[in-house]
Amino acid sequence: MMINTNKLAMASALSAGLLWVICSAIVVLFPHSTLQMTGHMIHVDLAQTTWTLTWTGFLVGLVGWVALAAITGASLAVIYNSLVGKEGHCDRG
């Protein structure tokens, strides 16, 4: 089975965008807790650090993650389809 490259790229981009919006909202609502969790996740002491989330930073991050996810999704589909090759056309039985 072949994967539709554009649809996987779009699904990846939309998923990343949604996650970015949710994550940003959680950071705004619970800055101390998210900073502690982030420190634990990356094994760094962030006790003396604070979040800086501006509208510009939010939008730049949103665009960056959406673009990166779209490129990654498209790359995965292209690589998968090239590995499947002609096999994908034999599924019609």
N, C-alpha and C. Protein backbone atom coordinates (compact mmCIF):
# COMPACT_ATOMS: atom_id res chain seq x y z
N MET A 1 0.84 -1.17 0.00
CA MET A 1 0.00 0.00 0.00
C MET A 1 0.89 1.24 0.00
N MET A 2 0.59 2.17 -0.88
CA MET A 2 1.34 3.42 -0.96
C MET A 2 0.71 4.46 -0.04
N ILE A 3 1.52 5.33 0.49
CA ILE A 3 1.06 6.40 1.37
C ILE A 3 0.96 7.69 0.56
N ASN A 4 -0.12 8.42 0.74
CA ASN A 4 -0.29 9.70 0.08
C ASN A 4 0.62 10.72 0.79
N THR A 5 1.63 11.17 0.09
CA THR A 5 2.64 12.06 0.66
C THR A 5 2.03 13.36 1.18
N ASN A 6 1.18 13.98 0.38
CA ASN A 6 0.58 15.26 0.79
C ASN A 6 -0.30 15.11 2.02
N LYS A 7 -1.08 14.03 2.08
CA LYS A 7 -1.96 13.84 3.23
C LYS A 7 -1.18 13.57 4.51
N LEU A 8 -0.10 12.79 4.42
CA LEU A 8 0.71 12.54 5.60
C LEU A 8 1.42 13.81 6.04
N ALA A 9 1.91 14.60 5.09
CA ALA A 9 2.55 15.87 5.43
C ALA A 9 1.55 16.80 6.12
N MET A 10 0.33 16.88 5.60
CA MET A 10 -0.69 17.75 6.19
C MET A 10 -1.11 17.25 7.57
N ALA A 11 -1.30 15.95 7.72
CA ALA A 11 -1.67 15.39 9.02
C ALA A 11 -0.57 15.64 10.05
N SER A 12 0.68 15.50 9.65
CA SER A 12 1.80 15.75 10.55
C SER A 12 1.85 17.22 10.95
N ALA A 13 1.66 18.10 9.98
CA ALA A 13 1.69 19.54 10.26
C ALA A 13 0.56 19.95 11.20
N LEU A 14 -0.64 19.46 10.93
CA LEU A 14 -1.79 19.80 11.78
C LEU A 14 -1.61 19.26 13.20
N SER A 15 -1.09 18.04 13.31
CA SER A 15 -0.85 17.46 14.63
C SER A 15 0.18 18.27 15.41
N ALA A 16 1.27 18.64 14.77
CA ALA A 16 2.30 19.42 15.43
C ALA A 16 1.77 20.80 15.83
N GLY A 17 0.99 21.41 14.97
CA GLY A 17 0.41 22.71 15.28
C GLY A 17 -0.51 22.65 16.48
N LEU A 18 -1.35 21.63 16.52
CA LEU A 18 -2.27 21.46 17.63
C LEU A 18 -1.49 21.23 18.94
N LEU A 19 -0.48 20.37 18.88
CA LEU A 19 0.33 20.11 20.06
C LEU A 19 1.05 21.38 20.53
N TRP A 20 1.53 22.19 19.61
CA TRP A 20 2.21 23.43 19.97
C TRP A 20 1.25 24.38 20.69
N VAL A 21 0.03 24.51 20.17
CA VAL A 21 -0.96 25.39 20.79
C VAL A 21 -1.30 24.89 22.20
N ILE A 22 -1.53 23.59 22.34
CA ILE A 22 -1.85 23.01 23.65
C ILE A 22 -0.69 23.20 24.61
N CYS A 23 0.51 22.89 24.16
CA CYS A 23 1.70 23.03 25.02
C CYS A 23 1.89 24.47 25.44
N SER A 24 1.74 25.41 24.52
CA SER A 24 1.89 26.83 24.86
C SER A 24 0.86 27.27 25.87
N ALA A 25 -0.37 26.79 25.73
CA ALA A 25 -1.43 27.14 26.69
C ALA A 25 -1.10 26.59 28.07
N ILE A 26 -0.59 25.39 28.12
CA ILE A 26 -0.21 24.78 29.41
C ILE A 26 0.93 25.56 30.05
N VAL A 27 1.89 26.01 29.25
CA VAL A 27 3.01 26.81 29.77
C VAL A 27 2.49 28.13 30.35
N VAL A 28 1.54 28.76 29.66
CA VAL A 28 0.99 30.02 30.16
C VAL A 28 0.20 29.79 31.45
N LEU A 29 -0.58 28.71 31.51
CA LEU A 29 -1.41 28.45 32.68
C LEU A 29 -0.64 27.92 33.88
N PHE A 30 0.37 27.11 33.63
CA PHE A 30 1.13 26.46 34.71
C PHE A 30 2.64 26.61 34.49
N PRO A 31 3.17 27.82 34.50
CA PRO A 31 4.58 28.02 34.14
C PRO A 31 5.57 27.28 35.05
N HIS A 32 5.34 27.31 36.36
CA HIS A 32 6.29 26.66 37.28
C HIS A 32 6.30 25.14 37.08
N SER A 33 5.13 24.54 37.01
CA SER A 33 5.04 23.08 36.85
C SER A 33 5.64 22.62 35.53
N THR A 34 5.37 23.36 34.45
CA THR A 34 5.91 22.94 33.15
C THR A 34 7.42 23.12 33.09
N LEU A 35 7.92 24.15 33.78
CA LEU A 35 9.37 24.35 33.81
C LEU A 35 10.04 23.21 34.57
N GLN A 36 9.46 22.80 35.69
CA GLN A 36 10.00 21.66 36.44
C GLN A 36 9.96 20.39 35.60
N MET A 37 8.84 20.13 34.94
CA MET A 37 8.70 18.93 34.12
C MET A 37 9.72 18.94 32.98
N THR A 38 9.90 20.10 32.35
CA THR A 38 10.87 20.21 31.27
C THR A 38 12.28 19.92 31.78
N GLY A 39 12.61 20.45 32.94
CA GLY A 39 13.91 20.17 33.54
C GLY A 39 14.14 18.69 33.78
N HIS A 40 13.12 18.01 34.29
CA HIS A 40 13.23 16.57 34.51
C HIS A 40 13.39 15.82 33.19
N MET A 41 12.67 16.27 32.16
CA MET A 41 12.71 15.58 30.86
C MET A 41 14.07 15.69 30.18
N ILE A 42 14.74 16.83 30.36
CA ILE A 42 16.03 17.02 29.69
C ILE A 42 17.21 16.94 30.67
N HIS A 43 16.94 16.53 31.92
CA HIS A 43 17.99 16.30 32.92
C HIS A 43 18.80 17.56 33.20
N VAL A 44 18.10 18.68 33.38
CA VAL A 44 18.76 19.96 33.65
C VAL A 44 18.04 20.64 34.81
N ASP A 45 18.79 21.33 35.64
CA ASP A 45 18.20 22.11 36.73
C ASP A 45 17.81 23.48 36.19
N LEU A 46 16.51 23.70 36.02
CA LEU A 46 16.00 24.96 35.49
C LEU A 46 15.40 25.84 36.59
N ALA A 47 15.78 25.60 37.82
CA ALA A 47 15.20 26.32 38.96
C ALA A 47 15.40 27.83 38.85
N GLN A 48 16.49 28.29 38.28
CA GLN A 48 16.78 29.72 38.17
C GLN A 48 16.32 30.30 36.83
N THR A 49 15.53 29.56 36.10
CA THR A 49 15.10 29.98 34.76
C THR A 49 13.61 30.31 34.78
N THR A 50 13.19 31.12 33.84
CA THR A 50 11.76 31.41 33.67
C THR A 50 11.40 31.25 32.21
N TRP A 51 10.12 31.04 31.95
CA TRP A 51 9.62 30.97 30.59
C TRP A 51 9.51 32.37 30.01
N THR A 52 9.76 32.50 28.74
CA THR A 52 9.50 33.74 28.01
C THR A 52 8.68 33.35 26.79
N LEU A 53 7.38 33.60 26.87
CA LEU A 53 6.51 33.25 25.75
C LEU A 53 5.76 34.51 25.30
N THR A 54 6.22 35.08 24.20
CA THR A 54 5.57 36.25 23.61
C THR A 54 4.72 35.79 22.43
N TRP A 55 3.89 36.68 21.93
CA TRP A 55 3.09 36.33 20.74
C TRP A 55 4.00 36.05 19.55
N THR A 56 5.07 36.81 19.42
CA THR A 56 6.02 36.57 18.33
C THR A 56 6.66 35.20 18.48
N GLY A 57 7.11 34.87 19.69
CA GLY A 57 7.71 33.57 19.94
C GLY A 57 6.73 32.44 19.69
N PHE A 58 5.48 32.64 20.11
CA PHE A 58 4.45 31.64 19.88
C PHE A 58 4.25 31.39 18.38
N LEU A 59 4.13 32.47 17.61
CA LEU A 59 3.88 32.33 16.17
C LEU A 59 5.09 31.76 15.43
N VAL A 60 6.29 32.20 15.80
CA VAL A 60 7.51 31.66 15.16
C VAL A 60 7.64 30.18 15.48
N GLY A 61 7.41 29.81 16.73
CA GLY A 61 7.45 28.39 17.10
C GLY A 61 6.40 27.58 16.37
N LEU A 62 5.19 28.13 16.27
CA LEU A 62 4.11 27.43 15.57
C LEU A 62 4.48 27.18 14.11
N VAL A 63 4.93 28.21 13.43
CA VAL A 63 5.31 28.06 12.02
C VAL A 63 6.48 27.09 11.87
N GLY A 64 7.47 27.22 12.75
CA GLY A 64 8.64 26.33 12.67
C GLY A 64 8.29 24.87 12.87
N TRP A 65 7.49 24.57 13.91
CA TRP A 65 7.13 23.19 14.17
C TRP A 65 6.21 22.62 13.10
N VAL A 66 5.29 23.44 12.59
CA VAL A 66 4.39 22.97 11.53
C VAL A 66 5.19 22.65 10.27
N ALA A 67 6.11 23.54 9.91
CA ALA A 67 6.94 23.29 8.72
C ALA A 67 7.81 22.06 8.90
N LEU A 68 8.45 21.94 10.05
CA LEU A 68 9.30 20.77 10.31
C LEU A 68 8.50 19.48 10.28
N ALA A 69 7.32 19.49 10.86
CA ALA A 69 6.48 18.29 10.87
C ALA A 69 6.02 17.94 9.46
N ALA A 70 5.67 18.94 8.66
CA ALA A 70 5.24 18.68 7.28
C ALA A 70 6.38 18.08 6.47
N ILE A 71 7.56 18.63 6.62
CA ILE A 71 8.73 18.09 5.90
C ILE A 71 9.03 16.67 6.35
N THR A 72 8.95 16.42 7.66
CA THR A 72 9.20 15.09 8.18
C THR A 72 8.15 14.10 7.68
N GLY A 73 6.88 14.48 7.73
CA GLY A 73 5.81 13.60 7.25
C GLY A 73 5.96 13.28 5.77
N ALA A 74 6.26 14.29 4.97
CA ALA A 74 6.45 14.08 3.53
C ALA A 74 7.66 13.18 3.28
N SER A 75 8.74 13.42 4.02
CA SER A 75 9.95 12.59 3.86
C SER A 75 9.66 11.13 4.21
N LEU A 76 8.94 10.92 5.31
CA LEU A 76 8.58 9.55 5.69
C LEU A 76 7.78 8.86 4.59
N ALA A 77 6.80 9.58 4.03
CA ALA A 77 5.96 8.99 2.98
C ALA A 77 6.79 8.67 1.74
N VAL A 78 7.64 9.58 1.34
CA VAL A 78 8.47 9.35 0.14
C VAL A 78 9.39 8.16 0.36
N ILE A 79 10.05 8.11 1.51
CA ILE A 79 10.96 7.00 1.80
C ILE A 79 10.20 5.68 1.88
N TYR A 80 9.06 5.68 2.58
CA TYR A 80 8.26 4.47 2.69
C TYR A 80 7.81 4.00 1.31
N ASN A 81 7.29 4.92 0.50
CA ASN A 81 6.81 4.55 -0.83
C ASN A 81 7.93 4.01 -1.71
N SER A 82 9.14 4.55 -1.57
CA SER A 82 10.25 4.05 -2.37
C SER A 82 10.69 2.67 -1.89
N LEU A 83 10.55 2.39 -0.59
CA LEU A 83 10.89 1.07 -0.07
C LEU A 83 9.85 0.03 -0.49
N VAL A 84 8.59 0.44 -0.50
CA VAL A 84 7.53 -0.48 -0.91
C VAL A 84 7.63 -0.75 -2.40
N GLY A 85 7.90 0.30 -3.17
CA GLY A 85 8.06 0.18 -4.61
C GLY A 85 6.86 -0.44 -5.30
N LYS A 86 7.11 -1.34 -6.18
CA LYS A 86 6.06 -1.98 -6.98
C LYS A 86 5.15 -2.88 -6.15
N GLU A 87 5.62 -3.32 -4.98
CA GLU A 87 4.79 -4.15 -4.10
C GLU A 87 3.45 -3.51 -3.81
N GLY A 88 3.46 -2.21 -3.61
CA GLY A 88 2.25 -1.48 -3.24
C GLY A 88 1.16 -1.56 -4.28
N HIS A 89 1.53 -1.85 -5.52
CA HIS A 89 0.53 -1.92 -6.59
C HIS A 89 -0.05 -3.32 -6.74
N CYS A 90 0.46 -4.29 -6.00
CA CYS A 90 -0.02 -5.67 -6.10
C CYS A 90 -1.15 -5.98 -5.12
N ASP A 91 -1.57 -5.03 -4.30
CA ASP A 91 -2.56 -5.27 -3.27
C ASP A 91 -3.98 -5.40 -3.81
N ARG A 92 -4.19 -5.19 -5.08
CA ARG A 92 -5.55 -5.20 -5.65
C ARG A 92 -6.07 -6.59 -5.92
N GLY A 93 -5.21 -7.57 -5.86
CA GLY A 93 -5.55 -8.96 -5.93
C GLY A 93 -6.31 -9.39 -7.06
